[in-house]
Amino acid sequence: MTAEITLEIMSPEERIMSRKVYGVTLPGIAGSFQVLRNHAPLITALTAGDIRFMLEDSSVHSVTISGGFVEVIDNKVTAIVEI
């Protein structure tokens, strides 16, 4: 089984992480939403909360943010955030 989405989380100062994941849940300004493989292209603002993602071994991890923006395109999720 191979990971399906590339997740990149960056702050203005540094790259926080970049890895293959199976799904991502993000704290959108209108509520949390999930991104899975082949999600429609999207750019939206993020609010304070946790970016949660699942790895190949089914473990769930998170990064706490205070806000930012996310772009979803071609099975790649790029979040520019403030920690």
PDB file of N, CA and C in Angstrom:
ATOM      1  N   MET A   1       0.855  -1.180   0.000  1.00  0.00           N
ATOM      2  CA  MET A   1       0.000   0.000   0.000  1.00  0.00           C
ATOM      3  C   MET A   1       0.898   1.239   0.000  1.00  0.00           C
ATOM      4  N   THR A   2       0.623   2.160  -0.894  1.00  0.00           N
ATOM      5  CA  THR A   2       1.431   3.374  -0.984  1.00  0.00           C
ATOM      6  C   THR A   2       0.606   4.593  -0.609  1.00  0.00           C
ATOM      7  N   ALA A   3       1.280   5.597  -0.076  1.00  0.00           N
ATOM      8  CA  ALA A   3       0.602   6.845   0.306  1.00  0.00           C
ATOM      9  C   ALA A   3       0.027   7.514  -0.939  1.00  0.00           C
ATOM     10  N   GLU A   4      -1.031   8.258  -0.756  1.00  0.00           N
ATOM     11  CA  GLU A   4      -1.769   8.781  -1.890  1.00  0.00           C
ATOM     12  C   GLU A   4      -1.688  10.292  -2.056  1.00  0.00           C
ATOM     13  N   ILE A   5      -1.343  11.026  -1.003  1.00  0.00           N
ATOM     14  CA  ILE A   5      -1.337  12.490  -1.052  1.00  0.00           C
ATOM     15  C   ILE A   5       0.007  12.981  -0.526  1.00  0.00           C
ATOM     16  N   THR A   6       0.549  14.019  -1.142  1.00  0.00           N
ATOM     17  CA  THR A   6       1.733  14.674  -0.591  1.00  0.00           C
ATOM     18  C   THR A   6       1.254  15.842   0.256  1.00  0.00           C
ATOM     19  N   LEU A   7       1.688  15.880   1.508  1.00  0.00           N
ATOM     20  CA  LEU A   7       1.345  16.960   2.429  1.00  0.00           C
ATOM     21  C   LEU A   7       2.592  17.762   2.737  1.00  0.00           C
ATOM     22  N   GLU A   8       2.530  19.062   2.480  1.00  0.00           N
ATOM     23  CA  GLU A   8       3.605  19.978   2.849  1.00  0.00           C
ATOM     24  C   GLU A   8       3.022  21.028   3.780  1.00  0.00           C
ATOM     25  N   ILE A   9       3.662  21.203   4.928  1.00  0.00           N
ATOM     26  CA  ILE A   9       3.264  22.240   5.878  1.00  0.00           C
ATOM     27  C   ILE A   9       4.461  23.160   6.047  1.00  0.00           C
ATOM     28  N   MET A  10       4.251  24.452   5.758  1.00  0.00           N
ATOM     29  CA  MET A  10       5.337  25.427   5.826  1.00  0.00           C
ATOM     30  C   MET A  10       4.888  26.648   6.609  1.00  0.00           C
ATOM     31  N   SER A  11       5.849  27.228   7.319  1.00  0.00           N
ATOM     32  CA  SER A  11       5.627  28.535   7.938  1.00  0.00           C
ATOM     33  C   SER A  11       6.433  29.535   7.110  1.00  0.00           C
ATOM     34  N   PRO A  12       6.260  30.827   7.344  1.00  0.00           N
ATOM     35  CA  PRO A  12       7.072  31.794   6.613  1.00  0.00           C
ATOM     36  C   PRO A  12       8.576  31.611   6.864  1.00  0.00           C
ATOM     37  N   GLU A  13       8.931  31.003   7.978  1.00  0.00           N
ATOM     38  CA  GLU A  13      10.348  30.850   8.338  1.00  0.00           C
ATOM     39  C   GLU A  13      10.977  29.539   7.896  1.00  0.00           C
ATOM     40  N   GLU A  14      10.165  28.444   7.798  1.00  0.00           N
ATOM     41  CA  GLU A  14      10.760  27.130   7.545  1.00  0.00           C
ATOM     42  C   GLU A  14       9.735  26.130   7.026  1.00  0.00           C
ATOM     43  N   ARG A  15      10.240  25.047   6.434  1.00  0.00           N
ATOM     44  CA  ARG A  15       9.383  23.911   6.089  1.00  0.00           C
ATOM     45  C   ARG A  15       9.220  23.077   7.353  1.00  0.00           C
ATOM     46  N   ILE A  16       7.995  22.876   7.773  1.00  0.00           N
ATOM     47  CA  ILE A  16       7.714  22.119   8.983  1.00  0.00           C
ATOM     48  C   ILE A  16       7.715  20.629   8.691  1.00  0.00           C
ATOM     49  N   MET A  17       7.101  20.240   7.575  1.00  0.00           N
ATOM     50  CA  MET A  17       7.127  18.828   7.197  1.00  0.00           C
ATOM     51  C   MET A  17       6.726  18.668   5.743  1.00  0.00           C
ATOM     52  N   SER A  18       7.147  17.554   5.166  1.00  0.00           N
ATOM     53  CA  SER A  18       6.755  17.167   3.823  1.00  0.00           C
ATOM     54  C   SER A  18       6.782  15.646   3.781  1.00  0.00           C
ATOM     55  N   ARG A  19       5.601  15.034   3.545  1.00  0.00           N
ATOM     56  CA  ARG A  19       5.556  13.570   3.525  1.00  0.00           C
ATOM     57  C   ARG A  19       4.308  13.078   2.824  1.00  0.00           C
ATOM     58  N   LYS A  20       4.313  11.798   2.492  1.00  0.00           N
ATOM     59  CA  LYS A  20       3.162  11.145   1.881  1.00  0.00           C
ATOM     60  C   LYS A  20       2.194  10.739   2.990  1.00  0.00           C
ATOM     61  N   VAL A  21       0.899  10.995   2.773  1.00  0.00           N
ATOM     62  CA  VAL A  21      -0.132  10.665   3.757  1.00  0.00           C
ATOM     63  C   VAL A  21      -1.338  10.072   3.024  1.00  0.00           C
ATOM     64  N   TYR A  22      -2.280   9.534   3.794  1.00  0.00           N
ATOM     65  CA  TYR A  22      -3.486   8.931   3.225  1.00  0.00           C
ATOM     66  C   TYR A  22      -4.702   9.829   3.307  1.00  0.00           C
ATOM     67  N   GLY A  23      -4.677  10.817   4.164  1.00  0.00           N
ATOM     68  CA  GLY A  23      -5.780  11.751   4.302  1.00  0.00           C
ATOM     69  C   GLY A  23      -5.364  12.881   5.219  1.00  0.00           C
ATOM     70  N   VAL A  24      -5.987  14.039   5.031  1.00  0.00           N
ATOM     71  CA  VAL A  24      -5.656  15.228   5.828  1.00  0.00           C
ATOM     72  C   VAL A  24      -6.965  15.884   6.254  1.00  0.00           C
ATOM     73  N   THR A  25      -7.062  16.254   7.525  1.00  0.00           N
ATOM     74  CA  THR A  25      -8.190  17.033   8.022  1.00  0.00           C
ATOM     75  C   THR A  25      -7.649  18.394   8.430  1.00  0.00           C
ATOM     76  N   LEU A  26      -8.282  19.447   7.912  1.00  0.00           N
ATOM     77  CA  LEU A  26      -7.796  20.811   8.108  1.00  0.00           C
ATOM     78  C   LEU A  26      -8.855  21.673   8.787  1.00  0.00           C
ATOM     79  N   PRO A  27      -8.421  22.664   9.608  1.00  0.00           N
ATOM     80  CA  PRO A  27      -9.365  23.550  10.291  1.00  0.00           C
ATOM     81  C   PRO A  27      -9.748  24.748   9.411  1.00  0.00           C
ATOM     82  N   GLY A  28     -10.719  24.561   8.541  1.00  0.00           N
ATOM     83  CA  GLY A  28     -11.160  25.629   7.645  1.00  0.00           C
ATOM     84  C   GLY A  28     -11.935  26.703   8.398  1.00  0.00           C
ATOM     85  N   ILE A  29     -12.046  27.872   7.816  1.00  0.00           N
ATOM     86  CA  ILE A  29     -12.742  28.978   8.482  1.00  0.00           C
ATOM     87  C   ILE A  29     -14.246  28.722   8.594  1.00  0.00           C
ATOM     88  N   ALA A  30     -14.787  27.830   7.748  1.00  0.00           N
ATOM     89  CA  ALA A  30     -16.204  27.472   7.842  1.00  0.00           C
ATOM     90  C   ALA A  30     -16.402  26.125   8.526  1.00  0.00           C
ATOM     91  N   GLY A  31     -15.330  25.580   9.100  1.00  0.00           N
ATOM     92  CA  GLY A  31     -15.389  24.276   9.766  1.00  0.00           C
ATOM     93  C   GLY A  31     -14.327  23.349   9.213  1.00  0.00           C
ATOM     94  N   SER A  32     -14.078  22.281   9.937  1.00  0.00           N
ATOM     95  CA  SER A  32     -13.064  21.310   9.514  1.00  0.00           C
ATOM     96  C   SER A  32     -13.499  20.607   8.232  1.00  0.00           C
ATOM     97  N   PHE A  33     -12.524  20.265   7.395  1.00  0.00           N
ATOM     98  CA  PHE A  33     -12.809  19.512   6.184  1.00  0.00           C
ATOM     99  C   PHE A  33     -11.667  18.539   5.918  1.00  0.00           C
ATOM    100  N   GLN A  34     -11.998  17.482   5.189  1.00  0.00           N
ATOM    101  CA  GLN A  34     -11.026  16.425   4.924  1.00  0.00           C
ATOM    102  C   GLN A  34     -10.658  16.412   3.447  1.00  0.00           C
ATOM    103  N   VAL A  35      -9.390  16.133   3.179  1.00  0.00           N
ATOM    104  CA  VAL A  35      -8.888  15.995   1.814  1.00  0.00           C
ATOM    105  C   VAL A  35      -8.401  14.566   1.644  1.00  0.00           C
ATOM    106  N   LEU A  36      -8.952  13.891   0.633  1.00  0.00           N
ATOM    107  CA  LEU A  36      -8.535  12.551   0.262  1.00  0.00           C
ATOM    108  C   LEU A  36      -8.037  12.575  -1.176  1.00  0.00           C
ATOM    109  N   ARG A  37      -7.570  11.452  -1.657  1.00  0.00           N
ATOM    110  CA  ARG A  37      -7.045  11.340  -3.016  1.00  0.00           C
ATOM    111  C   ARG A  37      -8.069  11.871  -4.024  1.00  0.00           C
ATOM    112  N   ASN A  38      -7.565  12.586  -5.029  1.00  0.00           N
ATOM    113  CA  ASN A  38      -8.361  13.132  -6.136  1.00  0.00           C
ATOM    114  C   ASN A  38      -9.371  14.195  -5.701  1.00  0.00           C
ATOM    115  N   HIS A  39      -9.080  14.905  -4.618  1.00  0.00           N
ATOM    116  CA  HIS A  39      -9.935  16.016  -4.180  1.00  0.00           C
ATOM    117  C   HIS A  39      -9.926  17.105  -5.245  1.00  0.00           C
ATOM    118  N   ALA A  40     -11.024  17.806  -5.370  1.00  0.00           N
ATOM    119  CA  ALA A  40     -11.107  18.926  -6.314  1.00  0.00           C
ATOM    120  C   ALA A  40     -10.111  20.018  -5.919  1.00  0.00           C
ATOM    121  N   PRO A  41      -9.567  20.754  -6.892  1.00  0.00           N
ATOM    122  CA  PRO A  41      -8.663  21.865  -6.568  1.00  0.00           C
ATOM    123  C   PRO A  41      -9.348  22.862  -5.636  1.00  0.00           C
ATOM    124  N   LEU A  42      -8.550  23.428  -4.725  1.00  0.00           N
ATOM    125  CA  LEU A  42      -9.116  24.284  -3.684  1.00  0.00           C
ATOM    126  C   LEU A  42      -8.035  25.199  -3.132  1.00  0.00           C
ATOM    127  N   ILE A  43      -8.393  26.433  -2.854  1.00  0.00           N
ATOM    128  CA  ILE A  43      -7.564  27.348  -2.069  1.00  0.00           C
ATOM    129  C   ILE A  43      -8.488  27.970  -1.042  1.00  0.00           C
ATOM    130  N   THR A  44      -8.103  27.908   0.239  1.00  0.00           N
ATOM    131  CA  THR A  44      -8.951  28.473   1.285  1.00  0.00           C
ATOM    132  C   THR A  44      -8.121  28.876   2.493  1.00  0.00           C
ATOM    133  N   ALA A  45      -8.723  29.698   3.338  1.00  0.00           N
ATOM    134  CA  ALA A  45      -8.075  30.126   4.581  1.00  0.00           C
ATOM    135  C   ALA A  45      -8.274  29.069   5.666  1.00  0.00           C
ATOM    136  N   LEU A  46      -7.329  29.031   6.584  1.00  0.00           N
ATOM    137  CA  LEU A  46      -7.403  28.133   7.744  1.00  0.00           C
ATOM    138  C   LEU A  46      -7.483  28.962   9.014  1.00  0.00           C
ATOM    139  N   THR A  47      -8.130  28.414  10.011  1.00  0.00           N
ATOM    140  CA  THR A  47      -8.239  29.060  11.309  1.00  0.00           C
ATOM    141  C   THR A  47      -7.389  28.286  12.320  1.00  0.00           C
ATOM    142  N   ALA A  48      -7.328  28.754  13.535  1.00  0.00           N
ATOM    143  CA  ALA A  48      -6.568  28.060  14.578  1.00  0.00           C
ATOM    144  C   ALA A  48      -7.142  26.662  14.796  1.00  0.00           C
ATOM    145  N   GLY A  49      -6.257  25.701  14.952  1.00  0.00           N
ATOM    146  CA  GLY A  49      -6.685  24.318  15.182  1.00  0.00           C
ATOM    147  C   GLY A  49      -5.575  23.359  14.825  1.00  0.00           C
ATOM    148  N   ASP A  50      -5.953  22.116  14.575  1.00  0.00           N
ATOM    149  CA  ASP A  50      -4.984  21.062  14.264  1.00  0.00           C
ATOM    150  C   ASP A  50      -5.131  20.597  12.823  1.00  0.00           C
ATOM    151  N   ILE A  51      -4.006  20.450  12.144  1.00  0.00           N
ATOM    152  CA  ILE A  51      -3.965  19.736  10.876  1.00  0.00           C
ATOM    153  C   ILE A  51      -3.669  18.289  11.254  1.00  0.00           C
ATOM    154  N   ARG A  52      -4.618  17.392  10.970  1.00  0.00           N
ATOM    155  CA  ARG A  52      -4.458  15.972  11.310  1.00  0.00           C
ATOM    156  C   ARG A  52      -4.242  15.177  10.028  1.00  0.00           C
ATOM    157  N   PHE A  53      -3.328  14.195  10.087  1.00  0.00           N
ATOM    158  CA  PHE A  53      -3.038  13.391   8.906  1.00  0.00           C
ATOM    159  C   PHE A  53      -2.763  11.951   9.307  1.00  0.00           C
ATOM    160  N   MET A  54      -3.128  11.015   8.402  1.00  0.00           N
ATOM    161  CA  MET A  54      -2.951   9.593   8.663  1.00  0.00           C
ATOM    162  C   MET A  54      -1.814   9.049   7.809  1.00  0.00           C
ATOM    163  N   LEU A  55      -0.960   8.242   8.447  1.00  0.00           N
ATOM    164  CA  LEU A  55       0.183   7.633   7.763  1.00  0.00           C
ATOM    165  C   LEU A  55      -0.143   6.206   7.327  1.00  0.00           C
ATOM    166  N   GLU A  56       0.794   5.580   6.635  1.00  0.00           N
ATOM    167  CA  GLU A  56       0.616   4.236   6.093  1.00  0.00           C
ATOM    168  C   GLU A  56       0.257   3.210   7.161  1.00  0.00           C
ATOM    169  N   ASP A  57       0.792   3.362   8.358  1.00  0.00           N
ATOM    170  CA  ASP A  57       0.517   2.395   9.434  1.00  0.00           C
ATOM    171  C   ASP A  57      -0.790   2.701  10.174  1.00  0.00           C
ATOM    172  N   SER A  58      -1.604   3.589   9.619  1.00  0.00           N
ATOM    173  CA  SER A  58      -2.904   4.014  10.177  1.00  0.00           C
ATOM    174  C   SER A  58      -2.782   4.886  11.420  1.00  0.00           C
ATOM    175  N   SER A  59      -1.567   5.294  11.766  1.00  0.00           N
ATOM    176  CA  SER A  59      -1.405   6.207  12.897  1.00  0.00           C
ATOM    177  C   SER A  59      -1.812   7.616  12.464  1.00  0.00           C
ATOM    178  N   VAL A  60      -2.396   8.363  13.407  1.00  0.00           N
ATOM    179  CA  VAL A  60      -2.840   9.726  13.136  1.00  0.00           C
ATOM    180  C   VAL A  60      -1.946  10.689  13.894  1.00  0.00           C
ATOM    181  N   HIS A  61      -1.472  11.725  13.217  1.00  0.00           N
ATOM    182  CA  HIS A  61      -0.580  12.728  13.803  1.00  0.00           C
ATOM    183  C   HIS A  61      -1.184  14.101  13.562  1.00  0.00           C
ATOM    184  N   SER A  62      -0.693  15.099  14.267  1.00  0.00           N
ATOM    185  CA  SER A  62      -1.238  16.437  14.058  1.00  0.00           C
ATOM    186  C   SER A  62      -0.182  17.511  14.269  1.00  0.00           C
ATOM    187  N   VAL A  63      -0.454  18.655  13.659  1.00  0.00           N
ATOM    188  CA  VAL A  63       0.344  19.865  13.826  1.00  0.00           C
ATOM    189  C   VAL A  63      -0.642  20.963  14.201  1.00  0.00           C
ATOM    190  N   THR A  64      -0.405  21.644  15.327  1.00  0.00           N
ATOM    191  CA  THR A  64      -1.287  22.718  15.774  1.00  0.00           C
ATOM    192  C   THR A  64      -0.866  24.024  15.124  1.00  0.00           C
ATOM    193  N   ILE A  65      -1.850  24.732  14.548  1.00  0.00           N
ATOM    194  CA  ILE A  65      -1.570  25.994  13.864  1.00  0.00           C
ATOM    195  C   ILE A  65      -2.437  27.106  14.450  1.00  0.00           C
ATOM    196  N   SER A  66      -2.043  28.346  14.194  1.00  0.00           N
ATOM    197  CA  SER A  66      -2.860  29.475  14.637  1.00  0.00           C
ATOM    198  C   SER A  66      -3.580  30.131  13.457  1.00  0.00           C
ATOM    199  N   GLY A  67      -3.400  29.597  12.254  1.00  0.00           N
ATOM    200  CA  GLY A  67      -4.075  30.103  11.064  1.00  0.00           C
ATOM    201  C   GLY A  67      -3.190  29.961   9.849  1.00  0.00           C
ATOM    202  N   GLY A  68      -3.746  30.267   8.673  1.00  0.00           N
ATOM    203  CA  GLY A  68      -2.965  30.199   7.449  1.00  0.00           C
ATOM    204  C   GLY A  68      -3.837  29.996   6.232  1.00  0.00           C
ATOM    205  N   PHE A  69      -3.237  29.413   5.196  1.00  0.00           N
ATOM    206  CA  PHE A  69      -3.920  29.143   3.933  1.00  0.00           C
ATOM    207  C   PHE A  69      -3.507  27.766   3.445  1.00  0.00           C
ATOM    208  N   VAL A  70      -4.363  27.144   2.625  1.00  0.00           N
ATOM    209  CA  VAL A  70      -4.042  25.840   2.058  1.00  0.00           C
ATOM    210  C   VAL A  70      -4.429  25.819   0.582  1.00  0.00           C
ATOM    211  N   GLU A  71      -3.609  25.134  -0.214  1.00  0.00           N
ATOM    212  CA  GLU A  71      -3.902  24.880  -1.618  1.00  0.00           C
ATOM    213  C   GLU A  71      -3.924  23.372  -1.821  1.00  0.00           C
ATOM    214  N   VAL A  72      -4.949  22.890  -2.498  1.00  0.00           N
ATOM    215  CA  VAL A  72      -5.066  21.478  -2.846  1.00  0.00           C
ATOM    216  C   VAL A  72      -5.120  21.394  -4.363  1.00  0.00           C
ATOM    217  N   ILE A  73      -4.180  20.650  -4.953  1.00  0.00           N
ATOM    218  CA  ILE A  73      -4.170  20.474  -6.402  1.00  0.00           C
ATOM    219  C   ILE A  73      -3.355  19.226  -6.745  1.00  0.00           C
ATOM    220  N   ASP A  74      -3.886  18.411  -7.631  1.00  0.00           N
ATOM    221  CA  ASP A  74      -3.182  17.218  -8.130  1.00  0.00           C
ATOM    222  C   ASP A  74      -2.634  16.342  -7.017  1.00  0.00           C
ATOM    223  N   ASN A  75      -3.449  16.013  -6.032  1.00  0.00           N
ATOM    224  CA  ASN A  75      -3.076  15.140  -4.913  1.00  0.00           C
ATOM    225  C   ASN A  75      -1.915  15.693  -4.091  1.00  0.00           C
ATOM    226  N   LYS A  76      -1.791  17.013  -4.060  1.00  0.00           N
ATOM    227  CA  LYS A  76      -0.800  17.677  -3.215  1.00  0.00           C
ATOM    228  C   LYS A  76      -1.509  18.732  -2.384  1.00  0.00           C
ATOM    229  N   VAL A  77      -1.262  18.692  -1.075  1.00  0.00           N
ATOM    230  CA  VAL A  77      -1.828  19.657  -0.130  1.00  0.00           C
ATOM    231  C   VAL A  77      -0.677  20.496   0.402  1.00  0.00           C
ATOM    232  N   THR A  78      -0.723  21.800   0.143  1.00  0.00           N
ATOM    233  CA  THR A  78       0.317  22.714   0.615  1.00  0.00           C
ATOM    234  C   THR A  78      -0.310  23.717   1.567  1.00  0.00           C
ATOM    235  N   ALA A  79       0.104  23.673   2.831  1.00  0.00           N
ATOM    236  CA  ALA A  79      -0.427  24.583   3.848  1.00  0.00           C
ATOM    237  C   ALA A  79       0.668  25.562   4.243  1.00  0.00           C
ATOM    238  N   ILE A  80       0.363  26.848   4.147  1.00  0.00           N
ATOM    239  CA  ILE A  80       1.264  27.913   4.621  1.00  0.00           C
ATOM    240  C   ILE A  80       0.621  28.423   5.897  1.00  0.00           C
ATOM    241  N   VAL A  81       1.298  28.224   7.032  1.00  0.00           N
ATOM    242  CA  VAL A  81       0.651  28.434   8.323  1.00  0.00           C
ATOM    243  C   VAL A  81       1.517  29.233   9.290  1.00  0.00           C
ATOM    244  N   GLU A  82       0.865  29.763  10.291  1.00  0.00           N
ATOM    245  CA  GLU A  82       1.529  30.336  11.470  1.00  0.00           C
ATOM    246  C   GLU A  82       1.377  29.304  12.578  1.00  0.00           C
ATOM    247  N   ILE A  83       2.447  29.055  13.266  1.00  0.00           N
ATOM    248  CA  ILE A  83       2.431  28.085  14.368  1.00  0.00           C
ATOM    249  C   ILE A  83       2.133  28.790  15.673  1.00  0.00           C
TER     250      ILE A  83
END
